[in-house]
Amino acid sequence: MKVNSLIVSIFLFTSVIYSQNTIQYNYRINNNPYKSRPYVGMELEFSAQKKCLSEFEFSISRLFTGNQNFIDFKQKDKVLYYKYKKKWILFYDFKTKKGGDICISGIKYHLSFKEEIKVRNISLDKIYLKPAKITQLHQPFYYFNEKEGVLAIKTSIGKMLIRDDFFKEPLSKEEEEILN
């Protein structure tokens, strides 16, 4: 009897330790009627998956990669790091507004801060990924909050995507102009 209860206890303990809370974020075109599922394609609408690995670590797909690959992140003392070859590397420092370098799909980018914006009483850092060796005429902008993550994206074709779990109502024209 003791052996069975010990095995059950170990099973329950390990399942709690290794379980991951997964959240789906939907990025939808601002002012479009909400649909049950987003369009396919990051220039229109898409869903990102966030796996919470611990209190300060998480993995997220599609947000910067454009595909189902995940990037591991860790946030500590207002600094966001990503994991590359088993090392934690600077992604973005919310205090100093400095970004690091990241390689996505074989292309090296530098994360750059553009400006701080306030919409609906929340501060957003407008950031973009600048390619290191190529010129990009139209680039997406990411509107980043330290606690909530990426809340809006202006795509490279000029569409404003908002995260529908945070923005329950579409942005007004004035709010969208503030983000531009």
N, C-alpha and C. Protein backbone atom coordinates (compact mmCIF):
# COMPACT_ATOMS: atom_id res chain seq x y z
N MET A 1 0.81 -1.20 0.00
CA MET A 1 0.00 0.00 0.00
C MET A 1 0.86 1.27 0.00
N LYS A 2 1.95 1.24 0.81
CA LYS A 2 2.83 2.40 0.87
C LYS A 2 3.50 2.64 -0.47
N VAL A 3 3.86 1.56 -1.16
CA VAL A 3 4.53 1.69 -2.45
C VAL A 3 3.59 2.35 -3.45
N ASN A 4 2.32 1.94 -3.48
CA ASN A 4 1.35 2.54 -4.40
C ASN A 4 1.14 4.02 -4.11
N SER A 5 0.99 4.40 -2.85
CA SER A 5 0.78 5.81 -2.53
C SER A 5 2.04 6.63 -2.83
N LEU A 6 3.21 6.02 -2.66
CA LEU A 6 4.46 6.71 -3.00
C LEU A 6 4.54 6.95 -4.51
N ILE A 7 4.18 5.95 -5.30
CA ILE A 7 4.21 6.09 -6.76
C ILE A 7 3.22 7.15 -7.21
N VAL A 8 2.02 7.15 -6.65
CA VAL A 8 1.00 8.15 -6.99
C VAL A 8 1.49 9.54 -6.59
N SER A 9 2.09 9.68 -5.42
CA SER A 9 2.62 10.97 -4.98
C SER A 9 3.71 11.48 -5.90
N ILE A 10 4.63 10.60 -6.30
CA ILE A 10 5.71 11.01 -7.21
C ILE A 10 5.13 11.42 -8.55
N PHE A 11 4.16 10.67 -9.06
CA PHE A 11 3.53 11.00 -10.34
C PHE A 11 2.85 12.37 -10.28
N LEU A 12 2.09 12.62 -9.23
CA LEU A 12 1.40 13.91 -9.10
C LEU A 12 2.39 15.06 -8.96
N PHE A 13 3.45 14.85 -8.18
CA PHE A 13 4.46 15.88 -7.98
C PHE A 13 5.15 16.23 -9.29
N THR A 14 5.57 15.21 -10.05
CA THR A 14 6.27 15.49 -11.31
C THR A 14 5.34 16.08 -12.36
N SER A 15 4.08 15.70 -12.36
CA SER A 15 3.16 16.28 -13.35
C SER A 15 2.90 17.75 -13.05
N VAL A 16 2.89 18.13 -11.78
CA VAL A 16 2.72 19.54 -11.41
C VAL A 16 3.97 20.33 -11.79
N ILE A 17 5.15 19.77 -11.53
CA ILE A 17 6.40 20.46 -11.83
C ILE A 17 6.58 20.66 -13.33
N TYR A 18 6.26 19.65 -14.12
CA TYR A 18 6.54 19.72 -15.55
C TYR A 18 5.36 20.19 -16.39
N SER A 19 4.26 20.53 -15.77
CA SER A 19 3.14 21.02 -16.56
C SER A 19 3.42 22.47 -16.97
N GLN A 20 2.97 22.82 -18.16
CA GLN A 20 3.19 24.16 -18.67
C GLN A 20 1.85 24.81 -18.93
N ASN A 21 1.71 26.02 -18.48
CA ASN A 21 0.52 26.78 -18.76
C ASN A 21 0.70 27.41 -20.14
N THR A 22 -0.21 27.12 -21.07
CA THR A 22 -0.12 27.66 -22.42
C THR A 22 -1.23 28.68 -22.64
N ILE A 23 -0.85 29.83 -23.17
CA ILE A 23 -1.78 30.92 -23.44
C ILE A 23 -1.73 31.20 -24.93
N GLN A 24 -2.89 31.44 -25.51
CA GLN A 24 -2.93 31.83 -26.92
C GLN A 24 -3.29 33.30 -27.01
N TYR A 25 -2.45 34.06 -27.72
CA TYR A 25 -2.71 35.47 -27.97
C TYR A 25 -3.12 35.62 -29.43
N ASN A 26 -4.23 36.29 -29.67
CA ASN A 26 -4.69 36.56 -31.02
C ASN A 26 -4.41 38.01 -31.37
N TYR A 27 -3.69 38.20 -32.46
CA TYR A 27 -3.41 39.54 -32.96
C TYR A 27 -4.34 39.77 -34.15
N ARG A 28 -5.25 40.75 -34.00
CA ARG A 28 -6.30 40.97 -34.99
C ARG A 28 -6.21 42.38 -35.56
N ILE A 29 -6.67 42.52 -36.80
CA ILE A 29 -6.68 43.83 -37.43
C ILE A 29 -7.60 44.74 -36.64
N ASN A 30 -7.10 45.93 -36.30
CA ASN A 30 -7.90 46.90 -35.55
C ASN A 30 -9.14 47.29 -36.37
N ASN A 31 -10.25 47.41 -35.70
CA ASN A 31 -11.54 47.82 -36.28
C ASN A 31 -12.16 46.80 -37.23
N ASN A 32 -11.63 45.60 -37.30
CA ASN A 32 -12.31 44.53 -38.03
C ASN A 32 -13.25 43.83 -37.05
N PRO A 33 -14.40 43.39 -37.52
CA PRO A 33 -15.26 42.63 -36.61
C PRO A 33 -14.51 41.39 -36.13
N TYR A 34 -14.57 41.11 -34.85
CA TYR A 34 -13.87 39.95 -34.32
C TYR A 34 -14.51 38.68 -34.85
N LYS A 35 -13.66 37.77 -35.28
CA LYS A 35 -14.10 36.48 -35.81
C LYS A 35 -13.69 35.40 -34.82
N SER A 36 -14.19 34.21 -35.04
CA SER A 36 -13.85 33.13 -34.12
C SER A 36 -12.39 32.70 -34.27
N ARG A 37 -11.81 32.86 -35.47
CA ARG A 37 -10.40 32.52 -35.70
C ARG A 37 -9.75 33.61 -36.54
N PRO A 38 -8.49 33.89 -36.28
CA PRO A 38 -7.81 34.91 -37.07
C PRO A 38 -7.48 34.40 -38.46
N TYR A 39 -7.24 35.34 -39.37
CA TYR A 39 -6.77 34.99 -40.71
C TYR A 39 -5.42 34.31 -40.60
N VAL A 40 -5.06 33.61 -41.65
CA VAL A 40 -3.73 33.00 -41.70
C VAL A 40 -2.78 34.03 -42.32
N GLY A 41 -1.62 34.18 -41.73
CA GLY A 41 -0.62 35.11 -42.28
C GLY A 41 -0.38 36.27 -41.35
N MET A 42 0.88 36.53 -41.06
CA MET A 42 1.22 37.55 -40.07
C MET A 42 0.92 38.96 -40.54
N GLU A 43 0.77 39.19 -41.84
CA GLU A 43 0.45 40.54 -42.31
C GLU A 43 -1.02 40.86 -42.10
N LEU A 44 -1.86 39.83 -41.88
CA LEU A 44 -3.27 40.08 -41.62
C LEU A 44 -3.55 39.85 -40.15
N GLU A 45 -3.75 38.62 -39.77
CA GLU A 45 -3.99 38.29 -38.37
C GLU A 45 -3.31 36.96 -38.07
N PHE A 46 -2.96 36.77 -36.80
CA PHE A 46 -2.33 35.50 -36.44
C PHE A 46 -2.48 35.27 -34.94
N SER A 47 -2.21 34.03 -34.54
CA SER A 47 -2.20 33.65 -33.13
C SER A 47 -0.78 33.28 -32.74
N ALA A 48 -0.39 33.66 -31.54
CA ALA A 48 0.91 33.28 -30.98
C ALA A 48 0.64 32.42 -29.75
N GLN A 49 1.47 31.44 -29.53
CA GLN A 49 1.37 30.58 -28.36
C GLN A 49 2.45 30.97 -27.36
N LYS A 50 2.05 31.12 -26.11
CA LYS A 50 3.01 31.42 -25.04
C LYS A 50 2.94 30.28 -24.03
N LYS A 51 4.10 29.65 -23.80
CA LYS A 51 4.21 28.60 -22.81
C LYS A 51 4.95 29.16 -21.61
N CYS A 52 4.28 29.17 -20.47
CA CYS A 52 4.91 29.66 -19.23
C CYS A 52 5.73 28.52 -18.64
N LEU A 53 7.04 28.71 -18.58
CA LEU A 53 7.94 27.67 -18.10
C LEU A 53 8.22 27.79 -16.61
N SER A 54 8.22 29.00 -16.11
CA SER A 54 8.39 29.27 -14.68
C SER A 54 7.85 30.67 -14.44
N GLU A 55 8.04 31.18 -13.25
CA GLU A 55 7.52 32.51 -12.93
C GLU A 55 8.13 33.60 -13.83
N PHE A 56 9.39 33.41 -14.24
CA PHE A 56 10.08 34.44 -15.02
C PHE A 56 10.50 33.99 -16.42
N GLU A 57 10.23 32.73 -16.78
CA GLU A 57 10.64 32.21 -18.08
C GLU A 57 9.43 31.76 -18.88
N PHE A 58 9.49 32.01 -20.19
CA PHE A 58 8.42 31.58 -21.08
C PHE A 58 8.95 31.41 -22.49
N SER A 59 8.21 30.69 -23.31
CA SER A 59 8.51 30.52 -24.73
C SER A 59 7.34 31.08 -25.52
N ILE A 60 7.63 31.68 -26.68
CA ILE A 60 6.55 32.22 -27.49
C ILE A 60 6.83 31.91 -28.97
N SER A 61 5.76 31.56 -29.68
CA SER A 61 5.89 31.24 -31.11
C SER A 61 5.28 32.34 -31.96
N ARG A 62 5.72 32.42 -33.20
CA ARG A 62 5.18 33.25 -34.27
C ARG A 62 5.36 34.75 -34.08
N LEU A 63 5.57 35.23 -32.90
CA LEU A 63 5.60 36.67 -32.68
C LEU A 63 6.74 37.33 -33.43
N PHE A 64 7.93 36.81 -33.33
CA PHE A 64 9.07 37.36 -34.04
C PHE A 64 9.55 36.43 -35.15
N THR A 65 9.21 35.14 -35.03
CA THR A 65 9.69 34.16 -35.99
C THR A 65 8.81 34.05 -37.23
N GLY A 66 7.52 34.33 -37.11
CA GLY A 66 6.61 34.19 -38.23
C GLY A 66 6.22 32.75 -38.49
N ASN A 67 6.72 31.83 -37.68
CA ASN A 67 6.36 30.43 -37.85
C ASN A 67 6.10 29.80 -36.49
N GLN A 68 5.95 28.51 -36.45
CA GLN A 68 5.60 27.83 -35.21
C GLN A 68 6.79 27.61 -34.28
N ASN A 69 7.99 28.03 -34.68
CA ASN A 69 9.16 27.89 -33.81
C ASN A 69 9.01 28.80 -32.59
N PHE A 70 9.51 28.31 -31.47
CA PHE A 70 9.43 29.05 -30.21
C PHE A 70 10.77 29.71 -29.91
N ILE A 71 10.71 30.88 -29.28
CA ILE A 71 11.89 31.54 -28.72
C ILE A 71 11.69 31.55 -27.21
N ASP A 72 12.72 31.11 -26.46
CA ASP A 72 12.66 31.12 -25.00
C ASP A 72 13.10 32.49 -24.49
N PHE A 73 12.33 33.02 -23.53
CA PHE A 73 12.62 34.32 -22.93
C PHE A 73 12.68 34.18 -21.41
N LYS A 74 13.40 35.11 -20.81
CA LYS A 74 13.46 35.22 -19.34
C LYS A 74 13.45 36.70 -19.02
N GLN A 75 12.65 37.09 -18.03
CA GLN A 75 12.62 38.49 -17.61
C GLN A 75 13.10 38.59 -16.18
N LYS A 76 14.05 39.49 -15.98
CA LYS A 76 14.62 39.69 -14.64
C LYS A 76 14.98 41.16 -14.49
N ASP A 77 14.49 41.79 -13.43
CA ASP A 77 14.83 43.19 -13.12
C ASP A 77 14.63 44.12 -14.31
N LYS A 78 13.46 44.06 -14.93
CA LYS A 78 13.10 44.93 -16.06
C LYS A 78 13.97 44.72 -17.30
N VAL A 79 14.60 43.55 -17.39
CA VAL A 79 15.41 43.21 -18.56
C VAL A 79 14.90 41.88 -19.11
N LEU A 80 14.70 41.85 -20.43
CA LEU A 80 14.21 40.66 -21.11
C LEU A 80 15.37 40.03 -21.87
N TYR A 81 15.58 38.74 -21.64
CA TYR A 81 16.63 37.98 -22.30
C TYR A 81 15.99 36.90 -23.16
N TYR A 82 16.71 36.43 -24.17
CA TYR A 82 16.29 35.26 -24.92
C TYR A 82 17.42 34.24 -24.89
N LYS A 83 17.05 32.97 -25.07
CA LYS A 83 18.03 31.90 -25.00
C LYS A 83 18.53 31.56 -26.40
N TYR A 84 19.86 31.55 -26.54
CA TYR A 84 20.50 31.19 -27.80
C TYR A 84 21.70 30.31 -27.47
N LYS A 85 21.69 29.11 -27.99
CA LYS A 85 22.77 28.14 -27.74
C LYS A 85 23.05 27.99 -26.25
N LYS A 86 21.98 27.81 -25.48
CA LYS A 86 22.03 27.56 -24.02
C LYS A 86 22.54 28.75 -23.21
N LYS A 87 22.61 29.95 -23.82
CA LYS A 87 23.03 31.15 -23.09
C LYS A 87 21.91 32.18 -23.14
N TRP A 88 21.78 32.97 -22.07
CA TRP A 88 20.80 34.05 -22.04
C TRP A 88 21.44 35.32 -22.57
N ILE A 89 20.81 35.91 -23.60
CA ILE A 89 21.35 37.08 -24.29
C ILE A 89 20.33 38.21 -24.21
N LEU A 90 20.82 39.43 -24.08
CA LEU A 90 19.94 40.59 -23.98
C LEU A 90 19.00 40.68 -25.18
N PHE A 91 17.71 40.81 -24.89
CA PHE A 91 16.72 41.09 -25.93
C PHE A 91 16.29 42.55 -25.83
N TYR A 92 15.87 42.97 -24.60
CA TYR A 92 15.45 44.36 -24.41
C TYR A 92 15.52 44.74 -22.95
N ASP A 93 16.07 45.91 -22.68
CA ASP A 93 16.16 46.45 -21.32
C ASP A 93 15.14 47.59 -21.21
N PHE A 94 14.11 47.38 -20.41
CA PHE A 94 13.04 48.37 -20.26
C PHE A 94 13.50 49.62 -19.53
N LYS A 95 14.55 49.53 -18.70
CA LYS A 95 15.04 50.71 -17.97
C LYS A 95 15.81 51.64 -18.90
N THR A 96 16.74 51.08 -19.67
CA THR A 96 17.61 51.91 -20.50
C THR A 96 17.09 52.07 -21.93
N LYS A 97 16.05 51.29 -22.27
CA LYS A 97 15.46 51.31 -23.63
C LYS A 97 16.48 50.85 -24.68
N LYS A 98 17.35 49.93 -24.29
CA LYS A 98 18.36 49.38 -25.20
C LYS A 98 17.97 47.96 -25.58
N GLY A 99 18.18 47.65 -26.87
CA GLY A 99 17.92 46.31 -27.36
C GLY A 99 19.19 45.58 -27.69
N GLY A 100 19.07 44.28 -27.82
CA GLY A 100 20.20 43.45 -28.18
C GLY A 100 20.10 42.98 -29.62
N ASP A 101 20.92 42.01 -29.96
CA ASP A 101 20.92 41.42 -31.29
C ASP A 101 20.27 40.04 -31.21
N ILE A 102 19.57 39.67 -32.27
CA ILE A 102 18.94 38.35 -32.33
C ILE A 102 19.00 37.86 -33.77
N CYS A 103 19.20 36.56 -33.92
CA CYS A 103 19.22 35.95 -35.24
C CYS A 103 17.92 35.18 -35.42
N ILE A 104 17.15 35.57 -36.44
CA ILE A 104 15.87 34.92 -36.73
C ILE A 104 15.91 34.45 -38.18
N SER A 105 15.69 33.16 -38.38
CA SER A 105 15.69 32.56 -39.72
C SER A 105 16.97 32.89 -40.49
N GLY A 106 18.10 32.90 -39.78
CA GLY A 106 19.39 33.12 -40.41
C GLY A 106 19.75 34.58 -40.66
N ILE A 107 18.87 35.50 -40.28
CA ILE A 107 19.15 36.93 -40.46
C ILE A 107 19.37 37.57 -39.09
N LYS A 108 20.46 38.34 -38.97
CA LYS A 108 20.76 39.01 -37.70
C LYS A 108 20.04 40.36 -37.66
N TYR A 109 19.37 40.62 -36.54
CA TYR A 109 18.63 41.87 -36.33
C TYR A 109 19.13 42.53 -35.05
N HIS A 110 18.99 43.83 -35.00
CA HIS A 110 19.21 44.58 -33.77
C HIS A 110 17.86 45.16 -33.34
N LEU A 111 17.49 44.94 -32.09
CA LEU A 111 16.24 45.47 -31.58
C LEU A 111 16.47 46.93 -31.17
N SER A 112 15.68 47.83 -31.75
CA SER A 112 15.87 49.27 -31.52
C SER A 112 14.61 49.90 -30.94
N PHE A 113 14.83 50.84 -30.03
CA PHE A 113 13.75 51.60 -29.41
C PHE A 113 13.46 52.83 -30.27
N LYS A 114 12.19 53.11 -30.53
CA LYS A 114 11.80 54.29 -31.31
C LYS A 114 11.28 55.39 -30.38
N GLU A 115 10.25 55.05 -29.56
CA GLU A 115 9.69 56.04 -28.65
C GLU A 115 8.77 55.36 -27.64
N GLU A 116 8.48 56.08 -26.55
CA GLU A 116 7.52 55.59 -25.56
C GLU A 116 6.19 56.29 -25.81
N ILE A 117 5.12 55.51 -25.80
CA ILE A 117 3.78 56.00 -26.10
C ILE A 117 2.84 55.56 -24.99
N LYS A 118 1.84 56.39 -24.72
CA LYS A 118 0.84 56.03 -23.71
C LYS A 118 -0.53 55.94 -24.40
N VAL A 119 -1.16 54.77 -24.29
CA VAL A 119 -2.49 54.54 -24.84
C VAL A 119 -3.32 53.84 -23.76
N ARG A 120 -4.51 54.38 -23.51
CA ARG A 120 -5.40 53.82 -22.49
C ARG A 120 -4.69 53.61 -21.15
N ASN A 121 -3.94 54.61 -20.76
CA ASN A 121 -3.22 54.64 -19.48
C ASN A 121 -2.19 53.53 -19.33
N ILE A 122 -1.69 53.04 -20.42
CA ILE A 122 -0.62 52.04 -20.35
C ILE A 122 0.55 52.52 -21.22
N SER A 123 1.76 52.40 -20.68
CA SER A 123 2.96 52.80 -21.41
C SER A 123 3.39 51.68 -22.35
N LEU A 124 3.68 52.06 -23.58
CA LEU A 124 4.15 51.12 -24.58
C LEU A 124 5.46 51.62 -25.17
N ASP A 125 6.43 50.74 -25.28
CA ASP A 125 7.67 51.06 -25.97
C ASP A 125 7.51 50.63 -27.42
N LYS A 126 7.69 51.56 -28.35
CA LYS A 126 7.62 51.25 -29.77
C LYS A 126 9.00 50.79 -30.19
N ILE A 127 9.10 49.52 -30.60
CA ILE A 127 10.38 48.94 -30.96
C ILE A 127 10.30 48.34 -32.37
N TYR A 128 11.46 48.11 -32.95
CA TYR A 128 11.50 47.44 -34.25
C TYR A 128 12.79 46.63 -34.35
N LEU A 129 12.76 45.64 -35.24
CA LEU A 129 13.93 44.82 -35.50
C LEU A 129 14.60 45.33 -36.76
N LYS A 130 15.81 45.83 -36.62
CA LYS A 130 16.56 46.40 -37.75
C LYS A 130 17.54 45.35 -38.26
N PRO A 131 17.39 44.92 -39.54
CA PRO A 131 18.32 43.94 -40.08
C PRO A 131 19.75 44.49 -40.12
N ALA A 132 20.71 43.64 -39.80
CA ALA A 132 22.10 44.09 -39.71
C ALA A 132 22.74 44.33 -41.07
N LYS A 133 22.47 43.47 -42.06
CA LYS A 133 23.22 43.56 -43.30
C LYS A 133 22.36 43.85 -44.53
N ILE A 134 21.09 44.04 -44.36
CA ILE A 134 20.24 44.33 -45.51
C ILE A 134 19.40 45.57 -45.22
N THR A 135 18.91 46.20 -46.26
CA THR A 135 18.03 47.35 -46.10
C THR A 135 16.59 46.88 -46.21
N GLN A 136 15.79 47.31 -45.27
CA GLN A 136 14.38 46.94 -45.26
C GLN A 136 13.57 48.23 -45.35
N LEU A 137 12.84 48.40 -46.45
CA LEU A 137 12.09 49.64 -46.65
C LEU A 137 10.91 49.77 -45.70
N HIS A 138 10.18 48.70 -45.53
CA HIS A 138 9.00 48.71 -44.66
C HIS A 138 9.22 47.69 -43.56
N GLN A 139 9.18 48.14 -42.34
CA GLN A 139 9.41 47.23 -41.23
C GLN A 139 8.26 47.27 -40.25
N PRO A 140 8.00 46.15 -39.59
CA PRO A 140 6.95 46.17 -38.57
C PRO A 140 7.44 46.86 -37.30
N PHE A 141 6.51 47.47 -36.58
CA PHE A 141 6.78 48.04 -35.26
C PHE A 141 6.00 47.24 -34.23
N TYR A 142 6.63 47.00 -33.10
CA TYR A 142 6.01 46.24 -32.01
C TYR A 142 5.81 47.20 -30.84
N TYR A 143 4.63 47.18 -30.25
CA TYR A 143 4.29 48.04 -29.12
C TYR A 143 4.31 47.17 -27.88
N PHE A 144 5.34 47.36 -27.07
CA PHE A 144 5.75 46.45 -26.02
C PHE A 144 5.47 47.06 -24.66
N ASN A 145 4.91 46.28 -23.75
CA ASN A 145 4.73 46.68 -22.36
C ASN A 145 5.50 45.69 -21.50
N GLU A 146 6.17 46.20 -20.49
CA GLU A 146 7.01 45.36 -19.63
C GLU A 146 6.24 44.20 -19.01
N LYS A 147 5.03 44.44 -18.54
CA LYS A 147 4.28 43.40 -17.85
C LYS A 147 3.42 42.56 -18.80
N GLU A 148 2.90 43.17 -19.85
CA GLU A 148 1.93 42.49 -20.72
C GLU A 148 2.53 41.93 -22.01
N GLY A 149 3.74 42.36 -22.37
CA GLY A 149 4.35 41.88 -23.61
C GLY A 149 3.94 42.75 -24.79
N VAL A 150 3.92 42.15 -25.98
CA VAL A 150 3.57 42.86 -27.21
C VAL A 150 2.05 42.97 -27.28
N LEU A 151 1.55 44.22 -27.27
CA LEU A 151 0.10 44.45 -27.26
C LEU A 151 -0.43 44.89 -28.62
N ALA A 152 0.43 45.40 -29.48
CA ALA A 152 0.01 45.83 -30.81
C ALA A 152 1.20 45.72 -31.75
N ILE A 153 0.90 45.58 -33.04
CA ILE A 153 1.93 45.48 -34.07
C ILE A 153 1.45 46.29 -35.27
N LYS A 154 2.32 47.14 -35.78
CA LYS A 154 2.04 47.77 -37.07
C LYS A 154 2.85 46.98 -38.09
N THR A 155 2.17 46.26 -38.97
CA THR A 155 2.84 45.37 -39.90
C THR A 155 3.60 46.16 -40.96
N SER A 156 4.43 45.47 -41.70
CA SER A 156 5.23 46.13 -42.74
C SER A 156 4.36 46.67 -43.88
N ILE A 157 3.10 46.22 -43.99
CA ILE A 157 2.19 46.77 -45.00
C ILE A 157 1.25 47.82 -44.40
N GLY A 158 1.52 48.22 -43.15
CA GLY A 158 0.79 49.32 -42.54
C GLY A 158 -0.48 48.96 -41.79
N LYS A 159 -0.78 47.68 -41.62
CA LYS A 159 -1.97 47.27 -40.87
C LYS A 159 -1.67 47.27 -39.37
N MET A 160 -2.60 47.76 -38.56
CA MET A 160 -2.45 47.77 -37.11
C MET A 160 -3.13 46.52 -36.55
N LEU A 161 -2.34 45.67 -35.91
CA LEU A 161 -2.86 44.48 -35.24
C LEU A 161 -2.88 44.74 -33.74
N ILE A 162 -3.96 44.35 -33.08
CA ILE A 162 -4.05 44.51 -31.63
C ILE A 162 -4.28 43.14 -31.00
N ARG A 163 -3.75 42.96 -29.80
CA ARG A 163 -3.94 41.70 -29.08
C ARG A 163 -5.31 41.74 -28.42
N ASP A 164 -6.18 40.83 -28.84
CA ASP A 164 -7.59 40.95 -28.45
C ASP A 164 -7.89 40.57 -27.01
N ASP A 165 -6.97 39.92 -26.30
CA ASP A 165 -7.22 39.65 -24.89
C ASP A 165 -6.99 40.90 -24.04
N PHE A 166 -6.19 41.82 -24.55
CA PHE A 166 -5.90 43.05 -23.80
C PHE A 166 -6.81 44.19 -24.24
N PHE A 167 -6.88 44.41 -25.55
CA PHE A 167 -7.77 45.44 -26.10
C PHE A 167 -9.11 44.80 -26.43
N LYS A 168 -10.02 44.87 -25.48
CA LYS A 168 -11.35 44.27 -25.68
C LYS A 168 -12.13 45.03 -26.74
N GLU A 169 -11.87 46.32 -26.84
CA GLU A 169 -12.51 47.17 -27.86
C GLU A 169 -11.43 47.65 -28.82
N PRO A 170 -11.77 47.82 -30.10
CA PRO A 170 -10.79 48.32 -31.06
C PRO A 170 -10.26 49.70 -30.65
N LEU A 171 -9.07 50.02 -31.13
CA LEU A 171 -8.50 51.34 -30.90
C LEU A 171 -9.29 52.37 -31.69
N SER A 172 -9.47 53.55 -31.11
CA SER A 172 -10.11 54.64 -31.84
C SER A 172 -9.13 55.18 -32.88
N LYS A 173 -9.62 55.99 -33.79
CA LYS A 173 -8.73 56.60 -34.79
C LYS A 173 -7.65 57.43 -34.11
N GLU A 174 -8.01 58.15 -33.04
CA GLU A 174 -7.05 58.97 -32.32
C GLU A 174 -5.98 58.10 -31.67
N GLU A 175 -6.40 56.98 -31.05
CA GLU A 175 -5.42 56.08 -30.42
C GLU A 175 -4.49 55.46 -31.47
N GLU A 176 -5.04 55.09 -32.60
CA GLU A 176 -4.22 54.50 -33.65
C GLU A 176 -3.23 55.54 -34.20
N GLU A 177 -3.64 56.79 -34.29
CA GLU A 177 -2.73 57.85 -34.74
C GLU A 177 -1.60 58.07 -33.76
N ILE A 178 -1.89 57.93 -32.46
CA ILE A 178 -0.84 58.06 -31.43
C ILE A 178 0.22 56.97 -31.65
N LEU A 179 -0.20 55.77 -32.02
CA LEU A 179 0.73 54.67 -32.24
C LEU A 179 1.54 54.84 -33.52
N ASN A 180 0.99 55.54 -34.49
CA ASN A 180 1.72 55.73 -35.75
C ASN A 180 2.81 56.71 -35.51
